[in-house]
Amino acid sequence: MGHGKGQPYDERRYRIDPETGKMLNTTIMWDGDEKIVGTTAVKERLRMRLLDKAKELGGRNLETGMFIEAFKTRGPSYGDVIRQVIRELAKRGLMRIRNIGTDRNPRYVYDVV
């Protein structure tokens, strides 16, 4: 099964808990072996760890999906929480967001500053 393009939103694998196979009603992620549960808790952990993970991933031309996989983020807000934290880091001057697509079809990549 693919990551979701062309699939109904509720059937995307990122909405499924990989441990139980059940549909998630909140966002989860893993930081190493530690499972973080709940959208607020996930955002808090990402605020602490995302910049370090970005550096580990090379620091340039990073995409949302790279962070989704690195943290095994799953649930209804799996990509939104990552993009929100990246925007916070960009406002603080720690990351840069670039659109390498078009105005009509944007494709964002992120760089550590």
PDB file of N, CA and C in Angstrom:
ATOM      1  N   MET A   1       0.841  -1.178   0.000  1.00  0.00           N
ATOM      2  CA  MET A   1       0.000   0.000   0.000  1.00  0.00           C
ATOM      3  C   MET A   1       0.884   1.238   0.000  1.00  0.00           C
ATOM      4  N   GLY A   2       0.556   2.219  -0.825  1.00  0.00           N
ATOM      5  CA  GLY A   2       1.333   3.460  -0.920  1.00  0.00           C
ATOM      6  C   GLY A   2       1.088   4.369   0.253  1.00  0.00           C
ATOM      7  N   HIS A   3       1.749   5.523   0.221  1.00  0.00           N
ATOM      8  CA  HIS A   3       1.625   6.429   1.355  1.00  0.00           C
ATOM      9  C   HIS A   3       0.318   7.185   1.354  1.00  0.00           C
ATOM     10  N   GLY A   4      -0.426   7.165   0.284  1.00  0.00           N
ATOM     11  CA  GLY A   4      -1.724   7.791   0.360  1.00  0.00           C
ATOM     12  C   GLY A   4      -2.208   8.471  -0.891  1.00  0.00           C
ATOM     13  N   LYS A   5      -1.356   8.805  -1.817  1.00  0.00           N
ATOM     14  CA  LYS A   5      -1.816   9.507  -3.013  1.00  0.00           C
ATOM     15  C   LYS A   5      -2.825   8.625  -3.739  1.00  0.00           C
ATOM     16  N   GLY A   6      -4.005   9.172  -3.974  1.00  0.00           N
ATOM     17  CA  GLY A   6      -5.036   8.445  -4.683  1.00  0.00           C
ATOM     18  C   GLY A   6      -5.890   7.551  -3.810  1.00  0.00           C
ATOM     19  N   GLN A   7      -5.563   7.450  -2.526  1.00  0.00           N
ATOM     20  CA  GLN A   7      -6.358   6.635  -1.621  1.00  0.00           C
ATOM     21  C   GLN A   7      -7.292   7.532  -0.821  1.00  0.00           C
ATOM     22  N   PRO A   8      -8.469   6.998  -0.449  1.00  0.00           N
ATOM     23  CA  PRO A   8      -9.306   7.776   0.471  1.00  0.00           C
ATOM     24  C   PRO A   8      -8.521   8.074   1.747  1.00  0.00           C
ATOM     25  N   TYR A   9      -8.727   9.270   2.303  1.00  0.00           N
ATOM     26  CA  TYR A   9      -7.945   9.724   3.451  1.00  0.00           C
ATOM     27  C   TYR A   9      -7.958   8.716   4.594  1.00  0.00           C
ATOM     28  N   ASP A  10      -9.116   8.143   4.914  1.00  0.00           N
ATOM     29  CA  ASP A  10      -9.214   7.226   6.051  1.00  0.00           C
ATOM     30  C   ASP A  10      -8.501   5.899   5.825  1.00  0.00           C
ATOM     31  N   GLU A  11      -8.121   5.586   4.591  1.00  0.00           N
ATOM     32  CA  GLU A  11      -7.456   4.315   4.317  1.00  0.00           C
ATOM     33  C   GLU A  11      -5.941   4.448   4.208  1.00  0.00           C
ATOM     34  N   ARG A  12      -5.415   5.639   4.363  1.00  0.00           N
ATOM     35  CA  ARG A  12      -3.975   5.828   4.237  1.00  0.00           C
ATOM     36  C   ARG A  12      -3.248   5.153   5.389  1.00  0.00           C
ATOM     37  N   ARG A  13      -2.122   4.548   5.074  1.00  0.00           N
ATOM     38  CA  ARG A  13      -1.393   3.787   6.098  1.00  0.00           C
ATOM     39  C   ARG A  13      -0.900   4.661   7.236  1.00  0.00           C
ATOM     40  N   TYR A  14      -0.703   5.947   6.995  1.00  0.00           N
ATOM     41  CA  TYR A  14      -0.253   6.830   8.066  1.00  0.00           C
ATOM     42  C   TYR A  14      -1.338   7.083   9.102  1.00  0.00           C
ATOM     43  N   ARG A  15      -2.562   6.688   8.817  1.00  0.00           N
ATOM     44  CA  ARG A  15      -3.653   6.838   9.776  1.00  0.00           C
ATOM     45  C   ARG A  15      -3.781   5.600  10.664  1.00  0.00           C
ATOM     46  N   ILE A  16      -3.009   4.558  10.388  1.00  0.00           N
ATOM     47  CA  ILE A  16      -3.123   3.271  11.072  1.00  0.00           C
ATOM     48  C   ILE A  16      -1.993   3.109  12.085  1.00  0.00           C
ATOM     49  N   ASP A  17      -2.332   2.603  13.283  1.00  0.00           N
ATOM     50  CA  ASP A  17      -1.319   2.306  14.296  1.00  0.00           C
ATOM     51  C   ASP A  17      -0.566   1.057  13.846  1.00  0.00           C
ATOM     52  N   PRO A  18       0.751   1.157  13.614  1.00  0.00           N
ATOM     53  CA  PRO A  18       1.494  -0.010  13.133  1.00  0.00           C
ATOM     54  C   PRO A  18       1.558  -1.148  14.146  1.00  0.00           C
ATOM     55  N   GLU A  19       1.347  -0.858  15.418  1.00  0.00           N
ATOM     56  CA  GLU A  19       1.390  -1.912  16.440  1.00  0.00           C
ATOM     57  C   GLU A  19       0.085  -2.692  16.506  1.00  0.00           C
ATOM     58  N   THR A  20      -1.044  -2.008  16.335  1.00  0.00           N
ATOM     59  CA  THR A  20      -2.350  -2.654  16.503  1.00  0.00           C
ATOM     60  C   THR A  20      -3.096  -2.850  15.192  1.00  0.00           C
ATOM     61  N   GLY A  21      -2.729  -2.081  14.161  1.00  0.00           N
ATOM     62  CA  GLY A  21      -3.445  -2.151  12.896  1.00  0.00           C
ATOM     63  C   GLY A  21      -4.763  -1.403  12.905  1.00  0.00           C
ATOM     64  N   LYS A  22      -5.047  -0.692  13.991  1.00  0.00           N
ATOM     65  CA  LYS A  22      -6.316   0.033  14.115  1.00  0.00           C
ATOM     66  C   LYS A  22      -6.156   1.486  13.700  1.00  0.00           C
ATOM     67  N   MET A  23      -7.278   2.081  13.286  1.00  0.00           N
ATOM     68  CA  MET A  23      -7.309   3.489  12.904  1.00  0.00           C
ATOM     69  C   MET A  23      -7.020   4.348  14.137  1.00  0.00           C
ATOM     70  N   LEU A  24      -6.124   5.313  13.970  1.00  0.00           N
ATOM     71  CA  LEU A  24      -5.760   6.205  15.070  1.00  0.00           C
ATOM     72  C   LEU A  24      -6.708   7.397  15.126  1.00  0.00           C
ATOM     73  N   ASN A  25      -7.024   7.842  16.354  1.00  0.00           N
ATOM     74  CA  ASN A  25      -7.830   9.050  16.509  1.00  0.00           C
ATOM     75  C   ASN A  25      -7.005  10.188  17.095  1.00  0.00           C
ATOM     76  N   THR A  26      -5.708   9.949  17.307  1.00  0.00           N
ATOM     77  CA  THR A  26      -4.787  10.992  17.736  1.00  0.00           C
ATOM     78  C   THR A  26      -3.431  10.728  17.091  1.00  0.00           C
ATOM     79  N   THR A  27      -2.558  11.684  17.148  1.00  0.00           N
ATOM     80  CA  THR A  27      -1.249  11.550  16.515  1.00  0.00           C
ATOM     81  C   THR A  27      -0.275  10.867  17.470  1.00  0.00           C
ATOM     82  N   ILE A  28       0.562   9.989  16.921  1.00  0.00           N
ATOM     83  CA  ILE A  28       1.607   9.322  17.697  1.00  0.00           C
ATOM     84  C   ILE A  28       2.924   9.452  16.938  1.00  0.00           C
ATOM     85  N   MET A  29       4.019   9.274  17.655  1.00  0.00           N
ATOM     86  CA  MET A  29       5.342   9.231  17.019  1.00  0.00           C
ATOM     87  C   MET A  29       6.277   8.447  17.919  1.00  0.00           C
ATOM     88  N   TRP A  30       7.420   8.077  17.372  1.00  0.00           N
ATOM     89  CA  TRP A  30       8.458   7.420  18.155  1.00  0.00           C
ATOM     90  C   TRP A  30       9.699   8.288  18.153  1.00  0.00           C
ATOM     91  N   ASP A  31      10.282   8.431  19.320  1.00  0.00           N
ATOM     92  CA  ASP A  31      11.579   9.091  19.469  1.00  0.00           C
ATOM     93  C   ASP A  31      12.497   8.004  19.998  1.00  0.00           C
ATOM     94  N   GLY A  32      13.215   7.362  19.095  1.00  0.00           N
ATOM     95  CA  GLY A  32      13.965   6.168  19.476  1.00  0.00           C
ATOM     96  C   GLY A  32      12.967   5.066  19.780  1.00  0.00           C
ATOM     97  N   ASP A  33      13.054   4.479  20.968  1.00  0.00           N
ATOM     98  CA  ASP A  33      12.127   3.422  21.372  1.00  0.00           C
ATOM     99  C   ASP A  33      10.929   3.965  22.138  1.00  0.00           C
ATOM    100  N   GLU A  34      10.912   5.250  22.401  1.00  0.00           N
ATOM    101  CA  GLU A  34       9.832   5.843  23.194  1.00  0.00           C
ATOM    102  C   GLU A  34       8.677   6.274  22.300  1.00  0.00           C
ATOM    103  N   LYS A  35       7.485   5.798  22.641  1.00  0.00           N
ATOM    104  CA  LYS A  35       6.277   6.159  21.903  1.00  0.00           C
ATOM    105  C   LYS A  35       5.643   7.374  22.569  1.00  0.00           C
ATOM    106  N   ILE A  36       5.381   8.423  21.784  1.00  0.00           N
ATOM    107  CA  ILE A  36       4.750   9.642  22.280  1.00  0.00           C
ATOM    108  C   ILE A  36       3.331   9.651  21.710  1.00  0.00           C
ATOM    109  N   VAL A  37       2.341   9.852  22.570  1.00  0.00           N
ATOM    110  CA  VAL A  37       0.939   9.768  22.171  1.00  0.00           C
ATOM    111  C   VAL A  37       0.243  11.096  22.423  1.00  0.00           C
ATOM    112  N   GLY A  38      -0.516  11.545  21.439  1.00  0.00           N
ATOM    113  CA  GLY A  38      -1.306  12.767  21.558  1.00  0.00           C
ATOM    114  C   GLY A  38      -0.685  13.895  20.759  1.00  0.00           C
ATOM    115  N   THR A  39      -1.515  14.635  20.048  1.00  0.00           N
ATOM    116  CA  THR A  39      -1.028  15.691  19.166  1.00  0.00           C
ATOM    117  C   THR A  39      -0.198  16.720  19.915  1.00  0.00           C
ATOM    118  N   THR A  40      -0.651  17.141  21.085  1.00  0.00           N
ATOM    119  CA  THR A  40       0.086  18.145  21.860  1.00  0.00           C
ATOM    120  C   THR A  40       1.437  17.603  22.305  1.00  0.00           C
ATOM    121  N   ALA A  41       1.461  16.372  22.800  1.00  0.00           N
ATOM    122  CA  ALA A  41       2.717  15.761  23.247  1.00  0.00           C
ATOM    123  C   ALA A  41       3.679  15.574  22.074  1.00  0.00           C
ATOM    124  N   VAL A  42       3.149  15.203  20.918  1.00  0.00           N
ATOM    125  CA  VAL A  42       3.988  15.028  19.729  1.00  0.00           C
ATOM    126  C   VAL A  42       4.610  16.360  19.330  1.00  0.00           C
ATOM    127  N   LYS A  43       3.814  17.431  19.318  1.00  0.00           N
ATOM    128  CA  LYS A  43       4.358  18.749  18.958  1.00  0.00           C
ATOM    129  C   LYS A  43       5.440  19.183  19.936  1.00  0.00           C
ATOM    130  N   GLU A  44       5.226  18.950  21.218  1.00  0.00           N
ATOM    131  CA  GLU A  44       6.234  19.316  22.225  1.00  0.00           C
ATOM    132  C   GLU A  44       7.538  18.567  21.974  1.00  0.00           C
ATOM    133  N   ARG A  45       7.461  17.269  21.698  1.00  0.00           N
ATOM    134  CA  ARG A  45       8.664  16.482  21.451  1.00  0.00           C
ATOM    135  C   ARG A  45       9.345  16.945  20.163  1.00  0.00           C
ATOM    136  N   LEU A  46       8.549  17.223  19.134  1.00  0.00           N
ATOM    137  CA  LEU A  46       9.131  17.704  17.880  1.00  0.00           C
ATOM    138  C   LEU A  46       9.852  19.031  18.081  1.00  0.00           C
ATOM    139  N   ARG A  47       9.305  19.900  18.920  1.00  0.00           N
ATOM    140  CA  ARG A  47       9.970  21.179  19.193  1.00  0.00           C
ATOM    141  C   ARG A  47      11.366  20.950  19.762  1.00  0.00           C
ATOM    142  N   MET A  48      11.524  19.873  20.539  1.00  0.00           N
ATOM    143  CA  MET A  48      12.822  19.578  21.151  1.00  0.00           C
ATOM    144  C   MET A  48      13.760  18.834  20.197  1.00  0.00           C
ATOM    145  N   ARG A  49      13.208  18.012  19.293  1.00  0.00           N
ATOM    146  CA  ARG A  49      14.042  17.077  18.545  1.00  0.00           C
ATOM    147  C   ARG A  49      14.145  17.324  17.043  1.00  0.00           C
ATOM    148  N   LEU A  50      13.233  18.106  16.466  1.00  0.00           N
ATOM    149  CA  LEU A  50      13.189  18.208  15.011  1.00  0.00           C
ATOM    150  C   LEU A  50      14.447  18.825  14.422  1.00  0.00           C
ATOM    151  N   LEU A  51      14.975  19.840  15.035  1.00  0.00           N
ATOM    152  CA  LEU A  51      16.168  20.494  14.492  1.00  0.00           C
ATOM    153  C   LEU A  51      17.365  19.533  14.477  1.00  0.00           C
ATOM    154  N   ASP A  52      17.539  18.767  15.554  1.00  0.00           N
ATOM    155  CA  ASP A  52      18.621  17.771  15.588  1.00  0.00           C
ATOM    156  C   ASP A  52      18.425  16.710  14.504  1.00  0.00           C
ATOM    157  N   LYS A  53      17.179  16.262  14.353  1.00  0.00           N
ATOM    158  CA  LYS A  53      16.891  15.246  13.333  1.00  0.00           C
ATOM    159  C   LYS A  53      17.148  15.809  11.941  1.00  0.00           C
ATOM    160  N   ALA A  54      16.812  17.081  11.719  1.00  0.00           N
ATOM    161  CA  ALA A  54      17.064  17.715  10.420  1.00  0.00           C
ATOM    162  C   ALA A  54      18.553  17.709  10.111  1.00  0.00           C
ATOM    163  N   LYS A  55      19.371  17.988  11.109  1.00  0.00           N
ATOM    164  CA  LYS A  55      20.824  17.968  10.906  1.00  0.00           C
ATOM    165  C   LYS A  55      21.300  16.550  10.601  1.00  0.00           C
ATOM    166  N   GLU A  56      20.744  15.551  11.308  1.00  0.00           N
ATOM    167  CA  GLU A  56      21.099  14.153  11.054  1.00  0.00           C
ATOM    168  C   GLU A  56      20.743  13.740   9.628  1.00  0.00           C
ATOM    169  N   LEU A  57      19.656  14.296   9.104  1.00  0.00           N
ATOM    170  CA  LEU A  57      19.187  13.955   7.761  1.00  0.00           C
ATOM    171  C   LEU A  57      19.905  14.736   6.664  1.00  0.00           C
ATOM    172  N   GLY A  58      20.895  15.529   7.031  1.00  0.00           N
ATOM    173  CA  GLY A  58      21.694  16.250   6.042  1.00  0.00           C
ATOM    174  C   GLY A  58      21.513  17.750   6.054  1.00  0.00           C
ATOM    175  N   GLY A  59      20.426  18.234   6.645  1.00  0.00           N
ATOM    176  CA  GLY A  59      20.249  19.665   6.834  1.00  0.00           C
ATOM    177  C   GLY A  59      19.781  20.468   5.639  1.00  0.00           C
ATOM    178  N   ARG A  60      19.714  19.865   4.455  1.00  0.00           N
ATOM    179  CA  ARG A  60      19.299  20.621   3.257  1.00  0.00           C
ATOM    180  C   ARG A  60      18.327  19.798   2.416  1.00  0.00           C
ATOM    181  N   ASN A  61      17.444  20.524   1.749  1.00  0.00           N
ATOM    182  CA  ASN A  61      16.479  19.905   0.833  1.00  0.00           C
ATOM    183  C   ASN A  61      15.665  18.799   1.501  1.00  0.00           C
ATOM    184  N   LEU A  62      15.267  19.030   2.744  1.00  0.00           N
ATOM    185  CA  LEU A  62      14.489  18.058   3.497  1.00  0.00           C
ATOM    186  C   LEU A  62      13.010  18.222   3.165  1.00  0.00           C
ATOM    187  N   GLU A  63      12.287  17.124   3.165  1.00  0.00           N
ATOM    188  CA  GLU A  63      10.861  17.150   2.878  1.00  0.00           C
ATOM    189  C   GLU A  63      10.092  16.621   4.076  1.00  0.00           C
ATOM    190  N   THR A  64       8.822  16.979   4.153  1.00  0.00           N
ATOM    191  CA  THR A  64       7.981  16.562   5.272  1.00  0.00           C
ATOM    192  C   THR A  64       8.021  15.050   5.451  1.00  0.00           C
ATOM    193  N   GLY A  65       7.940  14.318   4.353  1.00  0.00           N
ATOM    194  CA  GLY A  65       7.925  12.860   4.425  1.00  0.00           C
ATOM    195  C   GLY A  65       9.158  12.265   5.082  1.00  0.00           C
ATOM    196  N   MET A  66      10.282  12.936   4.961  1.00  0.00           N
ATOM    197  CA  MET A  66      11.510  12.449   5.596  1.00  0.00           C
ATOM    198  C   MET A  66      11.363  12.468   7.117  1.00  0.00           C
ATOM    199  N   PHE A  67      10.722  13.507   7.638  1.00  0.00           N
ATOM    200  CA  PHE A  67      10.501  13.597   9.081  1.00  0.00           C
ATOM    201  C   PHE A  67       9.413  12.623   9.531  1.00  0.00           C
ATOM    202  N   ILE A  68       8.382  12.452   8.702  1.00  0.00           N
ATOM    203  CA  ILE A  68       7.323  11.493   9.020  1.00  0.00           C
ATOM    204  C   ILE A  68       7.937  10.114   9.210  1.00  0.00           C
ATOM    205  N   GLU A  69       8.825   9.721   8.314  1.00  0.00           N
ATOM    206  CA  GLU A  69       9.473   8.413   8.420  1.00  0.00           C
ATOM    207  C   GLU A  69      10.489   8.363   9.560  1.00  0.00           C
ATOM    208  N   ALA A  70      11.273   9.410   9.730  1.00  0.00           N
ATOM    209  CA  ALA A  70      12.315   9.412  10.764  1.00  0.00           C
ATOM    210  C   ALA A  70      11.719   9.274  12.161  1.00  0.00           C
ATOM    211  N   PHE A  71      10.571   9.912  12.387  1.00  0.00           N
ATOM    212  CA  PHE A  71       9.922   9.843  13.698  1.00  0.00           C
ATOM    213  C   PHE A  71       8.779   8.836  13.728  1.00  0.00           C
ATOM    214  N   LYS A  72       8.543   8.148  12.608  1.00  0.00           N
ATOM    215  CA  LYS A  72       7.427   7.198  12.501  1.00  0.00           C
ATOM    216  C   LYS A  72       6.129   7.858  12.972  1.00  0.00           C
ATOM    217  N   THR A  73       5.882   9.069  12.489  1.00  0.00           N
ATOM    218  CA  THR A  73       4.695   9.825  12.875  1.00  0.00           C
ATOM    219  C   THR A  73       3.474   9.228  12.192  1.00  0.00           C
ATOM    220  N   ARG A  74       2.427   8.995  12.965  1.00  0.00           N
ATOM    221  CA  ARG A  74       1.192   8.406  12.448  1.00  0.00           C
ATOM    222  C   ARG A  74       0.003   9.099  13.099  1.00  0.00           C
ATOM    223  N   GLY A  75      -1.153   8.990  12.473  1.00  0.00           N
ATOM    224  CA  GLY A  75      -2.376   9.547  13.033  1.00  0.00           C
ATOM    225  C   GLY A  75      -2.973  10.613  12.139  1.00  0.00           C
ATOM    226  N   PRO A  76      -4.109  11.181  12.558  1.00  0.00           N
ATOM    227  CA  PRO A  76      -4.829  12.120  11.698  1.00  0.00           C
ATOM    228  C   PRO A  76      -4.058  13.389  11.362  1.00  0.00           C
ATOM    229  N   SER A  77      -3.105  13.791  12.182  1.00  0.00           N
ATOM    230  CA  SER A  77      -2.344  15.030  11.930  1.00  0.00           C
ATOM    231  C   SER A  77      -0.877  14.743  11.651  1.00  0.00           C
ATOM    232  N   TYR A  78      -0.570  13.565  11.097  1.00  0.00           N
ATOM    233  CA  TYR A  78       0.818  13.111  10.972  1.00  0.00           C
ATOM    234  C   TYR A  78       1.743  14.087  10.268  1.00  0.00           C
ATOM    235  N   GLY A  79       1.312  14.758   9.236  1.00  0.00           N
ATOM    236  CA  GLY A  79       2.172  15.721   8.540  1.00  0.00           C
ATOM    237  C   GLY A  79       1.997  17.139   9.048  1.00  0.00           C
ATOM    238  N   ASP A  80       0.777  17.450   9.481  1.00  0.00           N
ATOM    239  CA  ASP A  80       0.487  18.808   9.954  1.00  0.00           C
ATOM    240  C   ASP A  80       1.345  19.201  11.147  1.00  0.00           C
ATOM    241  N   VAL A  81       1.530  18.276  12.102  1.00  0.00           N
ATOM    242  CA  VAL A  81       2.309  18.622  13.296  1.00  0.00           C
ATOM    243  C   VAL A  81       3.754  18.934  12.920  1.00  0.00           C
ATOM    244  N   ILE A  82       4.291  18.205  11.968  1.00  0.00           N
ATOM    245  CA  ILE A  82       5.671  18.445  11.533  1.00  0.00           C
ATOM    246  C   ILE A  82       5.778  19.797  10.842  1.00  0.00           C
ATOM    247  N   ARG A  83       4.850  20.082   9.931  1.00  0.00           N
ATOM    248  CA  ARG A  83       4.881  21.376   9.234  1.00  0.00           C
ATOM    249  C   ARG A  83       4.696  22.542  10.199  1.00  0.00           C
ATOM    250  N   GLN A  84       3.844  22.382  11.217  1.00  0.00           N
ATOM    251  CA  GLN A  84       3.646  23.445  12.209  1.00  0.00           C
ATOM    252  C   GLN A  84       4.935  23.743  12.960  1.00  0.00           C
ATOM    253  N   VAL A  85       5.627  22.705  13.385  1.00  0.00           N
ATOM    254  CA  VAL A  85       6.874  22.900  14.134  1.00  0.00           C
ATOM    255  C   VAL A  85       7.950  23.486  13.221  1.00  0.00           C
ATOM    256  N   ILE A  86       8.007  23.053  11.972  1.00  0.00           N
ATOM    257  CA  ILE A  86       8.978  23.634  11.034  1.00  0.00           C
ATOM    258  C   ILE A  86       8.700  25.122  10.848  1.00  0.00           C
ATOM    259  N   ARG A  87       7.426  25.501  10.718  1.00  0.00           N
ATOM    260  CA  ARG A  87       7.095  26.929  10.587  1.00  0.00           C
ATOM    261  C   ARG A  87       7.531  27.712  11.821  1.00  0.00           C
ATOM    262  N   GLU A  88       7.353  27.127  13.009  1.00  0.00           N
ATOM    263  CA  GLU A  88       7.818  27.781  14.245  1.00  0.00           C
ATOM    264  C   GLU A  88       9.329  27.982  14.206  1.00  0.00           C
ATOM    265  N   LEU A  89      10.061  26.949  13.798  1.00  0.00           N
ATOM    266  CA  LEU A  89      11.521  27.047  13.720  1.00  0.00           C
ATOM    267  C   LEU A  89      11.944  28.073  12.669  1.00  0.00           C
ATOM    268  N   ALA A  90      11.202  28.154  11.570  1.00  0.00           N
ATOM    269  CA  ALA A  90      11.515  29.138  10.526  1.00  0.00           C
ATOM    270  C   ALA A  90      11.296  30.562  11.047  1.00  0.00           C
ATOM    271  N   LYS A  91      10.242  30.769  11.813  1.00  0.00           N
ATOM    272  CA  LYS A  91       9.989  32.101  12.386  1.00  0.00           C
ATOM    273  C   LYS A  91      11.107  32.514  13.335  1.00  0.00           C
ATOM    274  N   ARG A  92      11.708  31.529  13.987  1.00  0.00           N
ATOM    275  CA  ARG A  92      12.814  31.809  14.909  1.00  0.00           C
ATOM    276  C   ARG A  92      14.154  31.886  14.173  1.00  0.00           C
ATOM    277  N   GLY A  93      14.139  31.712  12.856  1.00  0.00           N
ATOM    278  CA  GLY A  93      15.357  31.822  12.064  1.00  0.00           C
ATOM    279  C   GLY A  93      16.245  30.593  12.096  1.00  0.00           C
ATOM    280  N   LEU A  94      15.710  29.457  12.543  1.00  0.00           N
ATOM    281  CA  LEU A  94      16.513  28.243  12.659  1.00  0.00           C
ATOM    282  C   LEU A  94      16.402  27.337  11.433  1.00  0.00           C
ATOM    283  N   MET A  95      15.318  27.498  10.676  1.00  0.00           N
ATOM    284  CA  MET A  95      15.133  26.735   9.442  1.00  0.00           C
ATOM    285  C   MET A  95      14.617  27.681   8.366  1.00  0.00           C
ATOM    286  N   ARG A  96      14.819  27.281   7.118  1.00  0.00           N
ATOM    287  CA  ARG A  96      14.320  28.051   5.979  1.00  0.00           C
ATOM    288  C   ARG A  96      13.377  27.145   5.195  1.00  0.00           C
ATOM    289  N   ILE A  97      12.259  27.719   4.759  1.00  0.00           N
ATOM    290  CA  ILE A  97      11.277  27.001   3.949  1.00  0.00           C
ATOM    291  C   ILE A  97      11.365  27.542   2.528  1.00  0.00           C
ATOM    292  N   ARG A  98      11.541  26.636   1.557  1.00  0.00           N
ATOM    293  CA  ARG A  98      11.621  27.054   0.153  1.00  0.00           C
ATOM    294  C   ARG A  98      10.582  26.300  -0.672  1.00  0.00           C
ATOM    295  N   ASN A  99       9.920  27.006  -1.576  1.00  0.00           N
ATOM    296  CA  ASN A  99       9.001  26.377  -2.514  1.00  0.00           C
ATOM    297  C   ASN A  99       9.767  26.076  -3.797  1.00  0.00           C
ATOM    298  N   ILE A 100       9.958  24.805  -4.091  1.00  0.00           N
ATOM    299  CA  ILE A 100      10.652  24.431  -5.323  1.00  0.00           C
ATOM    300  C   ILE A 100       9.660  24.012  -6.402  1.00  0.00           C
ATOM    301  N   GLY A 101       8.367  24.153  -6.098  1.00  0.00           N
ATOM    302  CA  GLY A 101       7.326  23.865  -7.074  1.00  0.00           C
ATOM    303  C   GLY A 101       6.883  25.154  -7.737  1.00  0.00           C
ATOM    304  N   THR A 102       5.601  25.239  -8.013  1.00  0.00           N
ATOM    305  CA  THR A 102       5.021  26.434  -8.611  1.00  0.00           C
ATOM    306  C   THR A 102       4.020  27.035  -7.637  1.00  0.00           C
ATOM    307  N   ASP A 103       3.523  28.223  -7.958  1.00  0.00           N
ATOM    308  CA  ASP A 103       2.492  28.825  -7.115  1.00  0.00           C
ATOM    309  C   ASP A 103       1.229  27.967  -7.094  1.00  0.00           C
ATOM    310  N   ARG A 104       0.911  27.369  -8.221  1.00  0.00           N
ATOM    311  CA  ARG A 104      -0.297  26.542  -8.308  1.00  0.00           C
ATOM    312  C   ARG A 104      -0.091  25.149  -7.733  1.00  0.00           C
ATOM    313  N   ASN A 105       1.127  24.686  -7.730  1.00  0.00           N
ATOM    314  CA  ASN A 105       1.436  23.345  -7.230  1.00  0.00           C
ATOM    315  C   ASN A 105       2.708  23.421  -6.389  1.00  0.00           C
ATOM    316  N   PRO A 106       2.599  23.962  -5.171  1.00  0.00           N
ATOM    317  CA  PRO A 106       3.801  24.155  -4.361  1.00  0.00           C
ATOM    318  C   PRO A 106       4.398  22.832  -3.885  1.00  0.00           C
ATOM    319  N   ARG A 107       5.699  22.828  -3.734  1.00  0.00           N
ATOM    320  CA  ARG A 107       6.435  21.691  -3.160  1.00  0.00           C
ATOM    321  C   ARG A 107       7.513  22.301  -2.275  1.00  0.00           C
ATOM    322  N   TYR A 108       7.361  22.093  -0.987  1.00  0.00           N
ATOM    323  CA  TYR A 108       8.244  22.755  -0.039  1.00  0.00           C
ATOM    324  C   TYR A 108       9.376  21.842   0.398  1.00  0.00           C
ATOM    325  N   VAL A 109      10.546  22.437   0.522  1.00  0.00           N
ATOM    326  CA  VAL A 109      11.702  21.768   1.115  1.00  0.00           C
ATOM    327  C   VAL A 109      12.226  22.669   2.224  1.00  0.00           C
ATOM    328  N   TYR A 110      12.946  22.061   3.143  1.00  0.00           N
ATOM    329  CA  TYR A 110      13.393  22.765   4.341  1.00  0.00           C
ATOM    330  C   TYR A 110      14.896  22.624   4.502  1.00  0.00           C
ATOM    331  N   ASP A 111      15.512  23.698   4.964  1.00  0.00           N
ATOM    332  CA  ASP A 111      16.947  23.712   5.216  1.00  0.00           C
ATOM    333  C   ASP A 111      17.202  24.191   6.638  1.00  0.00           C
ATOM    334  N   VAL A 112      18.215  23.618   7.279  1.00  0.00           N
ATOM    335  CA  VAL A 112      18.684  24.135   8.561  1.00  0.00           C
ATOM    336  C   VAL A 112      19.529  25.362   8.254  1.00  0.00           C
ATOM    337  N   VAL A 113      19.312  26.446   8.984  1.00  0.00           N
ATOM    338  CA  VAL A 113      20.061  27.693   8.755  1.00  0.00           C
ATOM    339  C   VAL A 113      21.323  27.675   9.591  1.00  0.00           C
TER     340      VAL A 113
END
